[in-house]
Amino acid sequence: MYNVLEIFTVAFFGHRYLDNPFKAEELLEEQIRKLINEKEYVDFLVGRNGEFDQCVSSTVLRVRKNYRDDTHFEMIY
C-alpha cells in the first residue's frame, strides 16, 4: 500500500499596514507553530505587497527554522 501525503495549504495575503507588528507576529507565530506541529506537511502561501505580508513571511521562516524545517514555503508575487 502507498501512503498518501496529506498536504495542508495555508494562504496569507494582505496589504495592510499594522498598528502593532509585534503583536501580529506573536499571534502568527502561535498559529503557525500549531499548524506545523499538527499537520504532516504544510504549504504556506504568502503575498508580497505590504507590511502584513512581510510580517507573515518573516514569522513563517523563523518558526520553520526553529521548530520544523521540512515545511514548504512559497512566495507568491
Protein backbone atom coordinates (compact mmCIF):
# COMPACT_ATOMS: atom_id res chain seq x y z
CA MET A 1 0.00 0.00 0.00
CA TYR A 2 1.10 3.54 -0.68
CA ASN A 3 0.92 6.27 1.91
CA VAL A 4 -0.70 9.41 0.59
CA LEU A 5 0.93 12.61 1.75
CA GLU A 6 -1.70 14.94 3.15
CA ILE A 7 -0.78 18.47 2.13
CA PHE A 8 -2.34 21.25 4.17
CA THR A 9 -2.19 24.63 2.42
CA VAL A 10 -2.36 27.92 4.29
CA ALA A 11 -2.62 31.25 2.46
CA PHE A 12 -1.72 34.61 3.98
CA PHE A 13 -2.39 37.63 1.79
CA GLY A 14 -2.81 41.21 2.87
CA HIS A 15 -1.66 44.69 2.04
CA ARG A 16 -2.49 46.48 5.25
CA TYR A 17 -0.12 48.31 7.49
CA LEU A 18 -0.04 47.01 11.04
CA ASP A 19 -0.59 49.19 14.10
CA ASN A 20 1.27 46.68 16.27
CA PRO A 21 3.51 44.38 14.19
CA PHE A 22 5.00 42.76 17.30
CA LYS A 23 1.57 41.63 18.49
CA ALA A 24 0.74 40.39 14.99
CA GLU A 25 3.97 38.35 14.87
CA GLU A 26 3.21 36.89 18.29
CA LEU A 27 -0.26 35.76 17.18
CA LEU A 28 1.02 34.50 13.83
CA GLU A 29 3.83 32.53 15.46
CA GLU A 30 1.37 30.79 17.76
CA GLN A 31 -0.86 29.73 14.86
CA ILE A 32 1.99 28.75 12.53
CA ARG A 33 3.68 26.67 15.23
CA LYS A 34 0.38 24.91 15.90
CA LEU A 35 -0.08 24.12 12.20
CA ILE A 36 3.39 22.70 11.66
CA ASN A 37 3.12 20.57 14.77
CA GLU A 38 -0.31 19.17 13.91
CA LYS A 39 -0.05 18.69 10.15
CA GLU A 40 2.11 16.21 8.27
CA TYR A 41 3.04 18.69 5.52
CA VAL A 42 2.21 22.38 5.46
CA ASP A 43 2.40 24.51 2.32
CA PHE A 44 2.48 28.24 3.18
CA LEU A 45 1.46 30.74 0.51
CA VAL A 46 2.34 34.35 1.30
CA GLY A 47 1.90 37.51 -0.74
CA ARG A 48 4.43 40.27 -1.06
CA ASN A 49 2.56 43.53 -1.06
CA GLY A 50 2.59 45.22 2.29
CA GLU A 51 3.56 45.12 5.91
CA PHE A 52 1.28 42.19 6.76
CA ASP A 53 2.84 40.01 4.06
CA GLN A 54 6.35 40.90 5.24
CA CYS A 55 5.38 40.11 8.83
CA VAL A 56 3.97 36.73 7.83
CA SER A 57 6.99 35.87 5.68
CA SER A 58 9.49 36.54 8.43
CA THR A 59 7.38 34.73 11.03
CA VAL A 60 6.91 31.61 8.87
CA LEU A 61 10.63 31.46 8.11
CA ARG A 62 11.60 31.91 11.77
CA VAL A 63 9.12 29.31 13.06
CA ARG A 64 10.03 26.90 10.30
CA LYS A 65 13.73 27.20 11.11
CA ASN A 66 13.25 26.89 14.88
CA TYR A 67 10.58 24.20 15.09
CA ARG A 68 10.29 22.09 11.97
CA ASP A 69 12.35 22.53 8.83
CA ASP A 70 10.52 20.16 6.45
CA THR A 71 7.65 22.53 5.68
CA HIS A 72 7.30 24.16 2.28
CA PHE A 73 7.28 27.93 1.90
CA GLU A 74 6.15 29.55 -1.35
CA MET A 75 6.38 33.27 -2.08
CA ILE A 76 3.53 34.39 -4.36
CA TYR A 77 4.13 37.61 -6.28
